[in-house]
């Protein structure tokens, strides 16, 4: 059974940093999946924040470019989201997903709260 588990969320002040992790289990060919970070703020739709393809190419939402970095460690079957210079508007539940082989698998999410 495939599973994604996010961790690393928490409370941080504006301008601070957090690193989220997404640990995968049960994936036979983890490296063949594109990995994504989404977020959903209260009262808003879920939005795509960052993507890293199986070849390591990355894409970011305009709102996080230059502040967030997505990376993956295929040996550890883990994807990371390094978040710097956090802003109030980054407050959301962050989800990771694995897309490939005609399916998308989701984690349960981790809450990031940016507050002074």
C-alpha atoms as a PDB file:
ATOM      1  CA  UNK A   1       0.000   0.000   0.000  1.00  0.00           C
ATOM      2  CA  UNK A   2       1.443   3.330  -1.080  1.00  0.00           C
ATOM      3  CA  UNK A   3       1.500   6.131   1.436  1.00  0.00           C
ATOM      4  CA  UNK A   4       2.802   9.678   1.780  1.00  0.00           C
ATOM      5  CA  UNK A   5       3.388  11.244   5.189  1.00  0.00           C
ATOM      6  CA  UNK A   6       4.152  14.956   5.544  1.00  0.00           C
ATOM      7  CA  UNK A   7       5.940  16.467   8.519  1.00  0.00           C
ATOM      8  CA  UNK A   8       7.699  19.653   9.544  1.00  0.00           C
ATOM      9  CA  UNK A   9       4.794  22.053   9.786  1.00  0.00           C
ATOM     10  CA  UNK A  10       4.323  24.374  12.710  1.00  0.00           C
ATOM     11  CA  UNK A  11       4.106  27.944  13.911  1.00  0.00           C
ATOM     12  CA  UNK A  12       6.659  30.409  12.580  1.00  0.00           C
ATOM     13  CA  UNK A  13       7.033  34.171  12.621  1.00  0.00           C
ATOM     14  CA  UNK A  14       6.991  36.227   9.428  1.00  0.00           C
ATOM     15  CA  UNK A  15      10.409  36.118   7.808  1.00  0.00           C
ATOM     16  CA  UNK A  16      11.153  32.749   9.334  1.00  0.00           C
ATOM     17  CA  UNK A  17      11.874  29.402   7.728  1.00  0.00           C
ATOM     18  CA  UNK A  18      10.557  25.869   7.802  1.00  0.00           C
ATOM     19  CA  UNK A  19      11.431  22.668   5.999  1.00  0.00           C
ATOM     20  CA  UNK A  20       8.648  20.262   5.172  1.00  0.00           C
ATOM     21  CA  UNK A  21       9.289  16.607   4.458  1.00  0.00           C
ATOM     22  CA  UNK A  22       7.170  14.068   2.621  1.00  0.00           C
ATOM     23  CA  UNK A  23       8.142  10.458   3.219  1.00  0.00           C
ATOM     24  CA  UNK A  24       6.906   7.849   0.763  1.00  0.00           C
ATOM     25  CA  UNK A  25       6.374   4.187   1.457  1.00  0.00           C
ATOM     26  CA  UNK A  26       5.113   1.304  -0.605  1.00  0.00           C
ATOM     27  CA  UNK A  27       6.296   2.841  -3.890  1.00  0.00           C
ATOM     28  CA  UNK A  28       8.154   0.381  -6.078  1.00  0.00           C
ATOM     29  CA  UNK A  29       9.492   3.007  -8.477  1.00  0.00           C
ATOM     30  CA  UNK A  30       9.449   6.200  -6.435  1.00  0.00           C
ATOM     31  CA  UNK A  31      11.944   7.944  -8.701  1.00  0.00           C
ATOM     32  CA  UNK A  32       9.547   7.634 -11.635  1.00  0.00           C
ATOM     33  CA  UNK A  33       6.926   9.829  -9.979  1.00  0.00           C
ATOM     34  CA  UNK A  34       6.648  13.580 -10.282  1.00  0.00           C
ATOM     35  CA  UNK A  35       6.318  14.987  -6.779  1.00  0.00           C
ATOM     36  CA  UNK A  36       4.277  18.028  -5.889  1.00  0.00           C
ATOM     37  CA  UNK A  37       3.577  20.284  -2.956  1.00  0.00           C
ATOM     38  CA  UNK A  38       0.140  21.861  -2.763  1.00  0.00           C
ATOM     39  CA  UNK A  39      -1.386  24.088  -0.129  1.00  0.00           C
ATOM     40  CA  UNK A  40      -4.871  25.038   0.925  1.00  0.00           C
ATOM     41  CA  UNK A  41      -5.525  28.131   2.977  1.00  0.00           C
ATOM     42  CA  UNK A  42      -8.738  28.571   4.972  1.00  0.00           C
ATOM     43  CA  UNK A  43     -11.618  29.386   2.665  1.00  0.00           C
ATOM     44  CA  UNK A  44      -9.507  28.991  -0.476  1.00  0.00           C
ATOM     45  CA  UNK A  45      -9.014  26.332  -3.100  1.00  0.00           C
ATOM     46  CA  UNK A  46      -6.034  24.045  -3.077  1.00  0.00           C
ATOM     47  CA  UNK A  47      -3.171  25.465  -5.145  1.00  0.00           C
ATOM     48  CA  UNK A  48      -0.049  23.934  -6.611  1.00  0.00           C
ATOM     49  CA  UNK A  49       3.044  25.371  -4.941  1.00  0.00           C
ATOM     50  CA  UNK A  50       5.954  23.414  -6.397  1.00  0.00           C
ATOM     51  CA  UNK A  51       6.737  20.432  -8.587  1.00  0.00           C
ATOM     52  CA  UNK A  52       9.835  18.325  -9.111  1.00  0.00           C
ATOM     53  CA  UNK A  53       9.830  15.902 -12.014  1.00  0.00           C
ATOM     54  CA  UNK A  54      11.465  12.502 -12.159  1.00  0.00           C
ATOM     55  CA  UNK A  55      14.411  14.139 -13.941  1.00  0.00           C
ATOM     56  CA  UNK A  56      14.791  16.815 -11.270  1.00  0.00           C
ATOM     57  CA  UNK A  57      13.260  19.757 -13.101  1.00  0.00           C
ATOM     58  CA  UNK A  58      11.387  22.134 -10.844  1.00  0.00           C
ATOM     59  CA  UNK A  59       8.513  24.580 -11.182  1.00  0.00           C
ATOM     60  CA  UNK A  60       7.054  27.014  -8.691  1.00  0.00           C
ATOM     61  CA  UNK A  61       3.991  29.146  -8.242  1.00  0.00           C
ATOM     62  CA  UNK A  62       4.794  32.810  -8.790  1.00  0.00           C
ATOM     63  CA  UNK A  63       3.862  33.560  -5.184  1.00  0.00           C
ATOM     64  CA  UNK A  64       6.708  31.414  -3.820  1.00  0.00           C
ATOM     65  CA  UNK A  65       9.438  31.803  -6.453  1.00  0.00           C
ATOM     66  CA  UNK A  66      12.729  32.775  -4.878  1.00  0.00           C
ATOM     67  CA  UNK A  67      11.534  31.791  -1.390  1.00  0.00           C
ATOM     68  CA  UNK A  68      10.660  28.083  -1.617  1.00  0.00           C
ATOM     69  CA  UNK A  69      12.826  25.228  -2.881  1.00  0.00           C
ATOM     70  CA  UNK A  70      11.612  21.729  -3.663  1.00  0.00           C
ATOM     71  CA  UNK A  71      14.040  18.826  -3.685  1.00  0.00           C
ATOM     72  CA  UNK A  72      13.947  15.044  -3.582  1.00  0.00           C
ATOM     73  CA  UNK A  73      16.094  12.213  -2.276  1.00  0.00           C
ATOM     74  CA  UNK A  74      15.116   9.110  -4.193  1.00  0.00           C
ATOM     75  CA  UNK A  75      17.249   6.843  -2.019  1.00  0.00           C
ATOM     76  CA  UNK A  76      15.293   7.991   1.039  1.00  0.00           C
ATOM     77  CA  UNK A  77      12.017   8.216  -0.923  1.00  0.00           C
ATOM     78  CA  UNK A  78      11.523  11.681   0.502  1.00  0.00           C
ATOM     79  CA  UNK A  79      10.628  15.059  -0.946  1.00  0.00           C
ATOM     80  CA  UNK A  80      11.381  18.335   0.793  1.00  0.00           C
ATOM     81  CA  UNK A  81      10.042  21.855   0.647  1.00  0.00           C
ATOM     82  CA  UNK A  82      12.402  24.454   2.052  1.00  0.00           C
ATOM     83  CA  UNK A  83      10.433  27.598   2.835  1.00  0.00           C
ATOM     84  CA  UNK A  84      12.223  30.859   3.584  1.00  0.00           C
ATOM     85  CA  UNK A  85      11.067  34.411   4.231  1.00  0.00           C
ATOM     86  CA  UNK A  86       7.631  33.144   5.157  1.00  0.00           C
ATOM     87  CA  UNK A  87       4.709  35.521   4.937  1.00  0.00           C
ATOM     88  CA  UNK A  88       1.305  35.628   6.601  1.00  0.00           C
ATOM     89  CA  UNK A  89      -0.261  34.505   3.331  1.00  0.00           C
ATOM     90  CA  UNK A  90       1.766  31.290   3.361  1.00  0.00           C
ATOM     91  CA  UNK A  91      -0.436  30.019   6.187  1.00  0.00           C
ATOM     92  CA  UNK A  92      -2.114  26.844   4.928  1.00  0.00           C
ATOM     93  CA  UNK A  93      -2.253  23.102   5.134  1.00  0.00           C
ATOM     94  CA  UNK A  94       0.514  21.768   2.898  1.00  0.00           C
ATOM     95  CA  UNK A  95       0.028  18.500   1.051  1.00  0.00           C
ATOM     96  CA  UNK A  96       2.409  16.461  -1.013  1.00  0.00           C
ATOM     97  CA  UNK A  97       1.374  14.258  -3.892  1.00  0.00           C
ATOM     98  CA  UNK A  98       3.001  11.717  -6.136  1.00  0.00           C
ATOM     99  CA  UNK A  99       1.831  11.715  -9.742  1.00  0.00           C
ATOM    100  CA  UNK A 100       2.600   8.943 -12.201  1.00  0.00           C
ATOM    101  CA  UNK A 101       1.551   5.597 -13.627  1.00  0.00           C
ATOM    102  CA  UNK A 102      -1.973   6.948 -14.219  1.00  0.00           C
ATOM    103  CA  UNK A 103      -2.603   7.883 -10.598  1.00  0.00           C
ATOM    104  CA  UNK A 104      -1.982  10.553  -7.998  1.00  0.00           C
ATOM    105  CA  UNK A 105      -1.378   9.686  -4.384  1.00  0.00           C
ATOM    106  CA  UNK A 106      -1.905  12.267  -1.611  1.00  0.00           C
ATOM    107  CA  UNK A 107      -0.625  12.733   1.885  1.00  0.00           C
ATOM    108  CA  UNK A 108      -2.709  13.859   4.838  1.00  0.00           C
ATOM    109  CA  UNK A 109      -1.197  17.329   5.046  1.00  0.00           C
ATOM    110  CA  UNK A 110       0.776  19.358   7.561  1.00  0.00           C
ATOM    111  CA  UNK A 111      -0.267  22.743   8.916  1.00  0.00           C
ATOM    112  CA  UNK A 112       1.955  25.782   8.521  1.00  0.00           C
ATOM    113  CA  UNK A 113       0.949  28.877  10.446  1.00  0.00           C
ATOM    114  CA  UNK A 114       2.783  32.154   9.940  1.00  0.00           C
ATOM    115  CA  UNK A 115       1.953  34.510  12.760  1.00  0.00           C
ATOM    116  CA  UNK A 116       3.596  37.115  14.967  1.00  0.00           C
END
